[in-house]
Every structure is written in C-alpha cells, then in structure tokens.
Amino acid sequence: MIRIVVREQIKNGSKEQVLGLFREMVEATRKEEGNLMFTLNEAVDDPNTLSIIEAWEDERFIDAHRESEHSKRLLPQLGQHLAAPSRVEIYKELL
C-alpha cells in the first residue's frame, strides 16, 4: 500500500471555491480502481491549510489517477487558489 499526503495552503477568500472543486475530486477519486482512501482535511489551527490523505493499492493506480479526466480538469483549477506550491509526501507501508 502507498499513502500520499498533500498539503495545500489556499488563498484567503478561496475556501468555498476550493471546497466545491475538492468535493467533485473526492467523489470521483473514491470510485477509482485501486483507491483505498481519499480524504480532504482542514488544519485545526489554520482553516486555510488543507491536506489530502490518500491510500492506493500500488503505483499503477496512482498513475491512472493522475491521468484521469477529473484530475486533469480539476487540478489546474485548484492551483489557481493556492497561496503556495503543494507539498507532496509519498509513503509506503512498513508495518
């Protein structure tokens, strides 16, 4: 299993637009083959800091997700609302 944590810092005033885009992304991604988890989370101490926590069976499903219609369409739109570049961390399960 592979887990991905993506941290996003969104611009002030963009929260509603971002949530709308992520709502569509979460719904579509959870239906993808090989996806085990896909959640959007808000930092307790900063409502403009969001994280996506994902779990996938293996890398081929991550590759397919990156090439999916919804990823290619929604990610550029989300990028317009970011205050800083995304921080992506990829982990493999050990225990």
N, C-alpha and C. Protein backbone atom coordinates (compact mmCIF):
# COMPACT_ATOMS: atom_id res chain seq x y z
N MET A 1 0.84 -1.18 0.00
CA MET A 1 0.00 0.00 0.00
C MET A 1 0.88 1.24 0.00
N ILE A 2 0.41 2.25 -0.73
CA ILE A 2 1.11 3.52 -0.80
C ILE A 2 0.16 4.61 -0.28
N ARG A 3 0.70 5.45 0.59
CA ARG A 3 -0.08 6.58 1.12
C ARG A 3 0.56 7.87 0.63
N ILE A 4 -0.29 8.82 0.34
CA ILE A 4 0.16 10.13 -0.11
C ILE A 4 -0.49 11.18 0.77
N VAL A 5 0.32 12.14 1.20
CA VAL A 5 -0.20 13.28 1.95
C VAL A 5 0.17 14.53 1.16
N VAL A 6 -0.85 15.30 0.79
CA VAL A 6 -0.64 16.53 0.04
C VAL A 6 -1.12 17.69 0.90
N ARG A 7 -0.23 18.62 1.16
CA ARG A 7 -0.58 19.79 1.96
C ARG A 7 -0.78 20.98 1.03
N GLU A 8 -1.92 21.66 1.21
CA GLU A 8 -2.27 22.82 0.39
C GLU A 8 -2.50 24.03 1.28
N GLN A 9 -1.91 25.15 0.92
CA GLN A 9 -2.17 26.42 1.58
C GLN A 9 -2.99 27.24 0.59
N ILE A 10 -4.25 27.49 0.93
CA ILE A 10 -5.12 28.19 -0.02
C ILE A 10 -5.17 29.68 0.29
N LYS A 11 -5.49 30.44 -0.76
CA LYS A 11 -5.57 31.89 -0.63
C LYS A 11 -6.77 32.28 0.22
N ASN A 12 -6.62 33.38 0.95
CA ASN A 12 -7.76 33.94 1.69
C ASN A 12 -8.90 34.21 0.72
N GLY A 13 -10.10 33.86 1.12
CA GLY A 13 -11.27 34.11 0.29
C GLY A 13 -11.56 33.04 -0.75
N SER A 14 -10.74 32.00 -0.81
CA SER A 14 -10.92 30.94 -1.81
C SER A 14 -11.56 29.67 -1.27
N LYS A 15 -11.87 29.63 0.00
CA LYS A 15 -12.30 28.39 0.64
C LYS A 15 -13.52 27.75 -0.03
N GLU A 16 -14.55 28.51 -0.29
CA GLU A 16 -15.77 27.94 -0.87
C GLU A 16 -15.52 27.37 -2.27
N GLN A 17 -14.77 28.08 -3.09
CA GLN A 17 -14.46 27.58 -4.43
C GLN A 17 -13.64 26.30 -4.35
N VAL A 18 -12.67 26.29 -3.45
CA VAL A 18 -11.80 25.12 -3.28
C VAL A 18 -12.61 23.92 -2.79
N LEU A 19 -13.49 24.14 -1.83
CA LEU A 19 -14.31 23.03 -1.33
C LEU A 19 -15.21 22.46 -2.43
N GLY A 20 -15.75 23.31 -3.27
CA GLY A 20 -16.56 22.83 -4.38
C GLY A 20 -15.77 21.96 -5.33
N LEU A 21 -14.57 22.39 -5.68
CA LEU A 21 -13.72 21.61 -6.57
C LEU A 21 -13.29 20.30 -5.92
N PHE A 22 -12.91 20.37 -4.65
CA PHE A 22 -12.48 19.15 -3.96
C PHE A 22 -13.64 18.18 -3.75
N ARG A 23 -14.84 18.69 -3.56
CA ARG A 23 -15.99 17.81 -3.41
C ARG A 23 -16.10 16.88 -4.62
N GLU A 24 -15.95 17.47 -5.81
CA GLU A 24 -16.00 16.68 -7.04
C GLU A 24 -14.82 15.72 -7.14
N MET A 25 -13.62 16.19 -6.77
CA MET A 25 -12.42 15.35 -6.83
C MET A 25 -12.54 14.16 -5.89
N VAL A 26 -12.98 14.40 -4.66
CA VAL A 26 -13.10 13.32 -3.68
C VAL A 26 -14.11 12.27 -4.15
N GLU A 27 -15.26 12.74 -4.62
CA GLU A 27 -16.30 11.81 -5.06
C GLU A 27 -15.82 10.93 -6.22
N ALA A 28 -15.18 11.54 -7.21
CA ALA A 28 -14.71 10.79 -8.37
C ALA A 28 -13.55 9.86 -8.01
N THR A 29 -12.62 10.33 -7.20
CA THR A 29 -11.44 9.53 -6.86
C THR A 29 -11.80 8.31 -6.04
N ARG A 30 -12.74 8.45 -5.14
CA ARG A 30 -13.14 7.31 -4.31
C ARG A 30 -13.73 6.17 -5.14
N LYS A 31 -14.16 6.46 -6.34
CA LYS A 31 -14.71 5.43 -7.23
C LYS A 31 -13.64 4.75 -8.08
N GLU A 32 -12.43 5.27 -8.06
CA GLU A 32 -11.36 4.74 -8.90
C GLU A 32 -10.88 3.37 -8.40
N GLU A 33 -10.57 2.52 -9.36
CA GLU A 33 -9.99 1.22 -9.02
C GLU A 33 -8.66 1.43 -8.31
N GLY A 34 -8.43 0.69 -7.25
CA GLY A 34 -7.16 0.76 -6.52
C GLY A 34 -7.11 1.81 -5.44
N ASN A 35 -8.13 2.68 -5.36
CA ASN A 35 -8.15 3.69 -4.31
C ASN A 35 -8.71 3.09 -3.04
N LEU A 36 -7.98 3.24 -1.95
CA LEU A 36 -8.40 2.71 -0.66
C LEU A 36 -8.90 3.82 0.27
N MET A 37 -8.43 5.04 0.04
CA MET A 37 -8.85 6.17 0.87
C MET A 37 -8.49 7.46 0.15
N PHE A 38 -9.37 8.44 0.27
CA PHE A 38 -9.11 9.77 -0.27
C PHE A 38 -9.93 10.75 0.55
N THR A 39 -9.27 11.52 1.42
CA THR A 39 -9.99 12.44 2.29
C THR A 39 -9.39 13.84 2.20
N LEU A 40 -10.24 14.83 2.40
CA LEU A 40 -9.80 16.21 2.49
C LEU A 40 -9.93 16.62 3.95
N ASN A 41 -8.87 17.23 4.49
CA ASN A 41 -8.81 17.57 5.91
C ASN A 41 -8.38 19.02 6.06
N GLU A 42 -8.85 19.64 7.15
CA GLU A 42 -8.51 21.03 7.46
C GLU A 42 -7.67 21.06 8.73
N ALA A 43 -6.62 21.85 8.72
CA ALA A 43 -5.78 22.01 9.92
C ALA A 43 -6.59 22.62 11.04
N VAL A 44 -6.42 22.11 12.23
CA VAL A 44 -7.16 22.59 13.39
C VAL A 44 -6.84 24.05 13.69
N ASP A 45 -5.60 24.45 13.46
CA ASP A 45 -5.17 25.80 13.81
C ASP A 45 -5.12 26.79 12.64
N ASP A 46 -5.50 26.34 11.43
CA ASP A 46 -5.46 27.23 10.26
C ASP A 46 -6.46 26.75 9.22
N PRO A 47 -7.60 27.39 9.09
CA PRO A 47 -8.62 26.93 8.14
C PRO A 47 -8.20 27.06 6.67
N ASN A 48 -7.11 27.74 6.39
CA ASN A 48 -6.61 27.83 5.01
C ASN A 48 -5.56 26.78 4.69
N THR A 49 -5.25 25.91 5.65
CA THR A 49 -4.33 24.81 5.40
C THR A 49 -5.14 23.52 5.30
N LEU A 50 -5.08 22.92 4.12
CA LEU A 50 -5.81 21.68 3.87
C LEU A 50 -4.82 20.57 3.56
N SER A 51 -5.22 19.35 3.85
CA SER A 51 -4.40 18.22 3.43
C SER A 51 -5.30 17.15 2.83
N ILE A 52 -4.78 16.52 1.81
CA ILE A 52 -5.43 15.38 1.19
C ILE A 52 -4.65 14.17 1.65
N ILE A 53 -5.34 13.20 2.19
CA ILE A 53 -4.69 11.96 2.61
C ILE A 53 -5.26 10.85 1.74
N GLU A 54 -4.35 10.17 1.04
CA GLU A 54 -4.75 9.15 0.07
C GLU A 54 -4.09 7.82 0.42
N ALA A 55 -4.74 6.73 0.04
CA ALA A 55 -4.14 5.40 0.12
C ALA A 55 -4.50 4.66 -1.15
N TRP A 56 -3.49 4.02 -1.74
CA TRP A 56 -3.64 3.30 -3.00
C TRP A 56 -3.04 1.91 -2.89
N GLU A 57 -3.59 0.98 -3.65
CA GLU A 57 -3.05 -0.39 -3.64
C GLU A 57 -1.61 -0.42 -4.12
N ASP A 58 -1.31 0.29 -5.22
CA ASP A 58 0.07 0.37 -5.70
C ASP A 58 0.21 1.52 -6.69
N GLU A 59 1.42 1.70 -7.19
CA GLU A 59 1.75 2.86 -8.02
C GLU A 59 0.98 2.92 -9.34
N ARG A 60 0.63 1.79 -9.91
CA ARG A 60 -0.07 1.84 -11.19
C ARG A 60 -1.42 2.54 -11.06
N PHE A 61 -2.06 2.41 -9.89
CA PHE A 61 -3.34 3.08 -9.68
C PHE A 61 -3.15 4.58 -9.46
N ILE A 62 -2.03 4.95 -8.86
CA ILE A 62 -1.71 6.37 -8.70
C ILE A 62 -1.48 6.99 -10.07
N ASP A 63 -0.74 6.29 -10.92
CA ASP A 63 -0.50 6.77 -12.28
C ASP A 63 -1.82 6.96 -13.04
N ALA A 64 -2.72 5.99 -12.90
CA ALA A 64 -4.03 6.09 -13.57
C ALA A 64 -4.82 7.28 -13.02
N HIS A 65 -4.73 7.51 -11.72
CA HIS A 65 -5.43 8.64 -11.11
C HIS A 65 -4.90 9.96 -11.67
N ARG A 66 -3.61 10.06 -11.81
CA ARG A 66 -3.01 11.30 -12.35
C ARG A 66 -3.45 11.57 -13.78
N GLU A 67 -3.76 10.51 -14.50
CA GLU A 67 -4.18 10.64 -15.91
C GLU A 67 -5.70 10.70 -16.07
N SER A 68 -6.42 10.61 -14.95
CA SER A 68 -7.89 10.60 -15.03
C SER A 68 -8.42 11.95 -15.52
N GLU A 69 -9.59 11.91 -16.10
CA GLU A 69 -10.23 13.12 -16.62
C GLU A 69 -10.42 14.15 -15.51
N HIS A 70 -10.92 13.69 -14.37
CA HIS A 70 -11.20 14.65 -13.30
C HIS A 70 -9.92 15.27 -12.73
N SER A 71 -8.84 14.50 -12.63
CA SER A 71 -7.58 15.09 -12.15
C SER A 71 -7.06 16.13 -13.13
N LYS A 72 -7.06 15.81 -14.40
CA LYS A 72 -6.54 16.74 -15.40
C LYS A 72 -7.39 18.01 -15.49
N ARG A 73 -8.66 17.89 -15.22
CA ARG A 73 -9.55 19.05 -15.30
C ARG A 73 -9.55 19.87 -14.01
N LEU A 74 -9.58 19.20 -12.86
CA LEU A 74 -9.75 19.91 -11.59
C LEU A 74 -8.46 20.46 -10.99
N LEU A 75 -7.34 19.75 -11.15
CA LEU A 75 -6.10 20.20 -10.52
C LEU A 75 -5.65 21.58 -10.99
N PRO A 76 -5.72 21.89 -12.30
CA PRO A 76 -5.34 23.25 -12.71
C PRO A 76 -6.27 24.32 -12.11
N GLN A 77 -7.55 24.00 -11.97
CA GLN A 77 -8.48 24.94 -11.36
C GLN A 77 -8.16 25.15 -9.88
N LEU A 78 -7.83 24.07 -9.18
CA LEU A 78 -7.44 24.18 -7.78
C LEU A 78 -6.17 25.01 -7.63
N GLY A 79 -5.24 24.82 -8.54
CA GLY A 79 -3.97 25.54 -8.49
C GLY A 79 -4.12 27.04 -8.49
N GLN A 80 -5.18 27.55 -9.08
CA GLN A 80 -5.43 28.99 -9.11
C GLN A 80 -5.73 29.56 -7.72
N HIS A 81 -6.10 28.69 -6.79
CA HIS A 81 -6.49 29.13 -5.45
C HIS A 81 -5.42 28.87 -4.39
N LEU A 82 -4.24 28.43 -4.81
CA LEU A 82 -3.18 28.12 -3.85
C LEU A 82 -2.32 29.34 -3.55
N ALA A 83 -1.99 29.51 -2.28
CA ALA A 83 -1.11 30.59 -1.85
C ALA A 83 0.36 30.19 -1.93
N ALA A 84 0.61 28.89 -2.03
CA ALA A 84 1.98 28.36 -2.10
C ALA A 84 1.93 27.04 -2.86
N PRO A 85 3.08 26.59 -3.36
CA PRO A 85 3.09 25.29 -4.04
C PRO A 85 2.65 24.16 -3.11
N SER A 86 2.03 23.15 -3.69
CA SER A 86 1.63 21.97 -2.92
C SER A 86 2.86 21.25 -2.40
N ARG A 87 2.71 20.67 -1.23
CA ARG A 87 3.77 19.82 -0.68
C ARG A 87 3.26 18.38 -0.70
N VAL A 88 3.94 17.52 -1.44
CA VAL A 88 3.50 16.13 -1.61
C VAL A 88 4.52 15.20 -0.94
N GLU A 89 4.00 14.32 -0.08
CA GLU A 89 4.83 13.31 0.58
C GLU A 89 4.25 11.95 0.25
N ILE A 90 5.11 11.02 -0.15
CA ILE A 90 4.67 9.68 -0.54
C ILE A 90 5.32 8.67 0.40
N TYR A 91 4.49 7.77 0.93
CA TYR A 91 4.95 6.79 1.90
C TYR A 91 4.54 5.39 1.45
N LYS A 92 5.38 4.43 1.80
CA LYS A 92 4.98 3.02 1.65
C LYS A 92 4.83 2.44 3.04
N GLU A 93 3.86 1.57 3.18
CA GLU A 93 3.58 0.99 4.48
C GLU A 93 4.65 -0.02 4.86
N LEU A 94 5.14 0.07 6.08
CA LEU A 94 6.17 -0.86 6.55
C LEU A 94 5.59 -1.92 7.49
N LEU A 95 4.76 -1.52 8.41
CA LEU A 95 4.18 -2.44 9.39
C LEU A 95 2.68 -2.29 9.44
